[in-house]
Amino acid sequence: MSSSRWTPFVSDGPSRGLHEEGNPRHRPRVEHDRDTPLVHLSGEDGTGWTTFTVDRATRKWAVAQGPTQKVTAVEAYGDLRARVDET
């Protein structure tokens, strides 16, 4: 992944944590750097993650699923960079 610092989006409320109403184990998380936003979504039961990422300049995207948020972020980001570099 890029060497720039990843930063989360913030909410206006007192808590930055989000979860599905009635299911606190099902959580989304959004972070970004200058070039790429990443959207992470935990499994319905709180295990496993899906990450969706988009290149801001080209709007190309990639998705990955795996056991941890880090694993899916690295895979989705790597796949996206490969797709962007193809052009």
N, C-alpha and C. Protein backbone atom coordinates (compact mmCIF):
# COMPACT_ATOMS: atom_id res chain seq x y z
N MET A 1 0.84 -1.17 0.00
CA MET A 1 0.00 0.00 0.00
C MET A 1 0.89 1.24 0.00
N SER A 2 0.31 2.39 -0.26
CA SER A 2 1.12 3.59 -0.37
C SER A 2 1.71 3.96 0.98
N SER A 3 2.78 4.73 0.93
CA SER A 3 3.44 5.13 2.17
C SER A 3 2.76 6.31 2.83
N SER A 4 1.77 6.93 2.18
CA SER A 4 1.07 8.05 2.80
C SER A 4 0.16 7.55 3.91
N ARG A 5 -0.17 8.44 4.79
CA ARG A 5 -0.97 8.09 5.97
C ARG A 5 -2.42 7.94 5.59
N TRP A 6 -3.03 6.83 6.01
CA TRP A 6 -4.46 6.60 5.79
C TRP A 6 -5.21 7.29 6.92
N THR A 7 -6.29 7.97 6.59
CA THR A 7 -7.05 8.68 7.60
C THR A 7 -8.53 8.32 7.47
N PRO A 8 -9.24 8.21 8.60
CA PRO A 8 -10.66 7.89 8.52
C PRO A 8 -11.49 9.13 8.22
N PHE A 9 -12.68 8.92 7.65
CA PHE A 9 -13.66 9.99 7.60
C PHE A 9 -14.19 10.16 9.03
N VAL A 10 -14.69 11.31 9.36
CA VAL A 10 -15.19 11.54 10.71
C VAL A 10 -16.69 11.82 10.66
N SER A 11 -17.34 11.58 11.76
CA SER A 11 -18.78 11.87 11.84
C SER A 11 -18.98 13.11 12.69
N ASP A 12 -20.14 13.72 12.58
CA ASP A 12 -20.46 14.89 13.39
C ASP A 12 -20.94 14.50 14.77
N GLY A 13 -21.26 13.23 14.96
CA GLY A 13 -21.79 12.76 16.24
C GLY A 13 -20.68 12.52 17.26
N PRO A 14 -21.08 12.14 18.47
CA PRO A 14 -20.08 11.92 19.53
C PRO A 14 -19.24 10.67 19.30
N SER A 15 -19.69 9.75 18.47
CA SER A 15 -18.96 8.52 18.23
C SER A 15 -18.66 8.36 16.75
N ARG A 16 -17.44 7.92 16.41
CA ARG A 16 -17.11 7.66 15.02
C ARG A 16 -17.47 6.23 14.65
N GLY A 17 -17.80 5.41 15.63
CA GLY A 17 -18.13 4.02 15.36
C GLY A 17 -19.53 3.89 14.78
N LEU A 18 -19.64 3.10 13.72
CA LEU A 18 -20.93 2.84 13.10
C LEU A 18 -21.19 1.34 13.12
N HIS A 19 -22.44 0.98 13.20
CA HIS A 19 -22.83 -0.42 13.09
C HIS A 19 -24.27 -0.48 12.64
N GLU A 20 -24.66 -1.65 12.17
CA GLU A 20 -26.04 -1.85 11.74
C GLU A 20 -26.96 -1.77 12.96
N GLU A 21 -28.03 -1.04 12.83
CA GLU A 21 -28.98 -0.94 13.94
C GLU A 21 -29.47 -2.33 14.31
N GLY A 22 -29.33 -2.69 15.56
CA GLY A 22 -29.75 -3.99 16.04
C GLY A 22 -28.71 -5.09 15.86
N ASN A 23 -27.59 -4.79 15.21
CA ASN A 23 -26.53 -5.78 15.01
C ASN A 23 -25.17 -5.07 15.12
N PRO A 24 -24.69 -4.84 16.33
CA PRO A 24 -23.45 -4.10 16.51
C PRO A 24 -22.20 -4.81 15.98
N ARG A 25 -22.31 -6.09 15.66
CA ARG A 25 -21.14 -6.80 15.10
C ARG A 25 -20.97 -6.54 13.61
N HIS A 26 -21.97 -6.01 12.93
CA HIS A 26 -21.91 -5.71 11.49
C HIS A 26 -21.53 -4.24 11.33
N ARG A 27 -20.23 -4.00 11.01
CA ARG A 27 -19.70 -2.64 11.04
C ARG A 27 -19.09 -2.21 9.71
N PRO A 28 -19.28 -0.96 9.32
CA PRO A 28 -18.56 -0.39 8.18
C PRO A 28 -17.42 0.50 8.69
N ARG A 29 -16.43 0.67 7.86
CA ARG A 29 -15.36 1.63 8.16
C ARG A 29 -14.89 2.21 6.85
N VAL A 30 -14.64 3.50 6.83
CA VAL A 30 -14.18 4.18 5.62
C VAL A 30 -12.89 4.91 5.96
N GLU A 31 -11.88 4.75 5.09
CA GLU A 31 -10.64 5.49 5.25
C GLU A 31 -10.16 5.90 3.86
N HIS A 32 -9.20 6.81 3.81
CA HIS A 32 -8.75 7.31 2.51
C HIS A 32 -7.35 7.89 2.63
N ASP A 33 -6.70 7.96 1.49
CA ASP A 33 -5.51 8.78 1.36
C ASP A 33 -5.79 9.76 0.22
N ARG A 34 -4.78 10.43 -0.25
CA ARG A 34 -4.97 11.45 -1.28
C ARG A 34 -5.56 10.89 -2.56
N ASP A 35 -5.24 9.62 -2.88
CA ASP A 35 -5.63 9.03 -4.17
C ASP A 35 -6.74 7.99 -4.11
N THR A 36 -6.98 7.41 -2.93
CA THR A 36 -7.81 6.20 -2.88
C THR A 36 -8.67 6.11 -1.63
N PRO A 37 -9.99 6.11 -1.75
CA PRO A 37 -10.83 5.77 -0.59
C PRO A 37 -11.00 4.24 -0.50
N LEU A 38 -11.09 3.74 0.72
CA LEU A 38 -11.36 2.32 0.97
C LEU A 38 -12.58 2.22 1.85
N VAL A 39 -13.51 1.34 1.49
CA VAL A 39 -14.70 1.08 2.30
C VAL A 39 -14.62 -0.36 2.77
N HIS A 40 -14.61 -0.56 4.09
CA HIS A 40 -14.53 -1.88 4.69
C HIS A 40 -15.89 -2.22 5.29
N LEU A 41 -16.32 -3.45 5.13
CA LEU A 41 -17.59 -3.90 5.71
C LEU A 41 -17.36 -5.26 6.35
N SER A 42 -17.65 -5.34 7.66
CA SER A 42 -17.49 -6.62 8.35
C SER A 42 -18.59 -7.58 7.95
N GLY A 43 -18.37 -8.86 8.20
CA GLY A 43 -19.40 -9.85 7.96
C GLY A 43 -20.60 -9.61 8.87
N GLU A 44 -21.73 -10.14 8.50
CA GLU A 44 -22.96 -9.96 9.27
C GLU A 44 -22.79 -10.38 10.73
N ASP A 45 -21.97 -11.42 10.96
CA ASP A 45 -21.77 -11.91 12.32
C ASP A 45 -20.51 -11.33 12.96
N GLY A 46 -19.88 -10.35 12.30
CA GLY A 46 -18.69 -9.71 12.84
C GLY A 46 -17.39 -10.37 12.42
N THR A 47 -17.45 -11.50 11.71
CA THR A 47 -16.23 -12.15 11.25
C THR A 47 -16.07 -11.95 9.75
N GLY A 48 -14.85 -11.85 9.31
CA GLY A 48 -14.56 -11.65 7.89
C GLY A 48 -14.83 -10.21 7.47
N TRP A 49 -14.17 -9.81 6.39
CA TRP A 49 -14.31 -8.44 5.89
C TRP A 49 -14.40 -8.44 4.37
N THR A 50 -15.07 -7.42 3.83
CA THR A 50 -15.07 -7.10 2.42
C THR A 50 -14.57 -5.68 2.30
N THR A 51 -13.63 -5.44 1.38
CA THR A 51 -13.11 -4.08 1.16
C THR A 51 -13.31 -3.70 -0.29
N PHE A 52 -13.82 -2.52 -0.50
CA PHE A 52 -14.06 -1.93 -1.82
C PHE A 52 -13.18 -0.69 -1.91
N THR A 53 -12.42 -0.53 -2.97
CA THR A 53 -11.55 0.63 -3.14
C THR A 53 -11.67 1.21 -4.53
N VAL A 54 -11.47 2.52 -4.63
CA VAL A 54 -11.64 3.25 -5.89
C VAL A 54 -10.45 4.18 -6.11
N ASP A 55 -9.92 4.19 -7.32
CA ASP A 55 -8.89 5.16 -7.68
C ASP A 55 -9.58 6.47 -8.04
N ARG A 56 -9.26 7.54 -7.34
CA ARG A 56 -9.96 8.81 -7.56
C ARG A 56 -9.79 9.33 -8.99
N ALA A 57 -8.61 9.19 -9.56
CA ALA A 57 -8.35 9.76 -10.89
C ALA A 57 -9.04 9.01 -12.01
N THR A 58 -9.02 7.69 -11.97
CA THR A 58 -9.57 6.90 -13.08
C THR A 58 -10.95 6.32 -12.80
N ARG A 59 -11.35 6.30 -11.53
CA ARG A 59 -12.61 5.69 -11.06
C ARG A 59 -12.60 4.18 -11.22
N LYS A 60 -11.46 3.57 -11.50
CA LYS A 60 -11.38 2.12 -11.50
C LYS A 60 -11.53 1.65 -10.06
N TRP A 61 -11.99 0.40 -9.89
CA TRP A 61 -12.26 -0.11 -8.54
C TRP A 61 -11.84 -1.56 -8.42
N ALA A 62 -11.75 -2.00 -7.16
CA ALA A 62 -11.43 -3.40 -6.86
C ALA A 62 -12.11 -3.78 -5.55
N VAL A 63 -12.41 -5.06 -5.40
CA VAL A 63 -13.06 -5.58 -4.20
C VAL A 63 -12.32 -6.84 -3.76
N ALA A 64 -12.20 -7.01 -2.44
CA ALA A 64 -11.58 -8.22 -1.90
C ALA A 64 -12.35 -8.68 -0.67
N GLN A 65 -12.34 -9.98 -0.43
CA GLN A 65 -12.95 -10.56 0.78
C GLN A 65 -11.91 -11.41 1.47
N GLY A 66 -11.92 -11.39 2.81
CA GLY A 66 -10.95 -12.18 3.56
C GLY A 66 -11.24 -12.18 5.04
N PRO A 67 -10.36 -12.79 5.81
CA PRO A 67 -10.60 -12.98 7.24
C PRO A 67 -10.42 -11.73 8.09
N THR A 68 -9.57 -10.79 7.62
CA THR A 68 -9.33 -9.58 8.42
C THR A 68 -9.41 -8.35 7.54
N GLN A 69 -9.63 -7.22 8.18
CA GLN A 69 -9.71 -5.95 7.46
C GLN A 69 -8.38 -5.66 6.78
N LYS A 70 -7.27 -5.93 7.43
CA LYS A 70 -5.96 -5.66 6.84
C LYS A 70 -5.72 -6.52 5.60
N VAL A 71 -6.04 -7.80 5.68
CA VAL A 71 -5.85 -8.70 4.53
C VAL A 71 -6.65 -8.21 3.33
N THR A 72 -7.91 -7.85 3.54
CA THR A 72 -8.73 -7.41 2.41
C THR A 72 -8.29 -6.05 1.89
N ALA A 73 -7.83 -5.16 2.78
CA ALA A 73 -7.34 -3.85 2.33
C ALA A 73 -6.11 -4.00 1.46
N VAL A 74 -5.16 -4.82 1.88
CA VAL A 74 -3.94 -5.02 1.10
C VAL A 74 -4.27 -5.65 -0.26
N GLU A 75 -5.15 -6.65 -0.27
CA GLU A 75 -5.51 -7.30 -1.53
C GLU A 75 -6.26 -6.36 -2.47
N ALA A 76 -7.27 -5.66 -1.97
CA ALA A 76 -8.05 -4.75 -2.82
C ALA A 76 -7.17 -3.62 -3.34
N TYR A 77 -6.34 -3.06 -2.48
CA TYR A 77 -5.46 -1.97 -2.91
C TYR A 77 -4.46 -2.45 -3.96
N GLY A 78 -3.87 -3.61 -3.76
CA GLY A 78 -2.93 -4.17 -4.73
C GLY A 78 -3.61 -4.45 -6.07
N ASP A 79 -4.80 -5.03 -6.03
CA ASP A 79 -5.55 -5.29 -7.27
C ASP A 79 -5.88 -3.99 -7.99
N LEU A 80 -6.27 -2.98 -7.23
CA LEU A 80 -6.60 -1.69 -7.84
C LEU A 80 -5.37 -1.08 -8.50
N ARG A 81 -4.25 -1.06 -7.80
CA ARG A 81 -3.03 -0.48 -8.39
C ARG A 81 -2.65 -1.22 -9.67
N ALA A 82 -2.81 -2.54 -9.70
CA ALA A 82 -2.50 -3.31 -10.92
C ALA A 82 -3.44 -2.90 -12.05
N ARG A 83 -4.71 -2.72 -11.76
CA ARG A 83 -5.68 -2.31 -12.80
C ARG A 83 -5.35 -0.91 -13.32
N VAL A 84 -4.99 -0.01 -12.43
CA VAL A 84 -4.68 1.36 -12.84
C VAL A 84 -3.39 1.37 -13.68
N ASP A 85 -2.41 0.57 -13.27
CA ASP A 85 -1.13 0.52 -14.00
C ASP A 85 -1.26 -0.12 -15.37
N GLU A 86 -2.33 -0.89 -15.62
CA GLU A 86 -2.55 -1.51 -16.95
C GLU A 86 -2.79 -0.47 -18.03
N THR A 87 -3.30 0.67 -17.64
CA THR A 87 -3.68 1.68 -18.64
C THR A 87 -2.56 2.59 -19.01
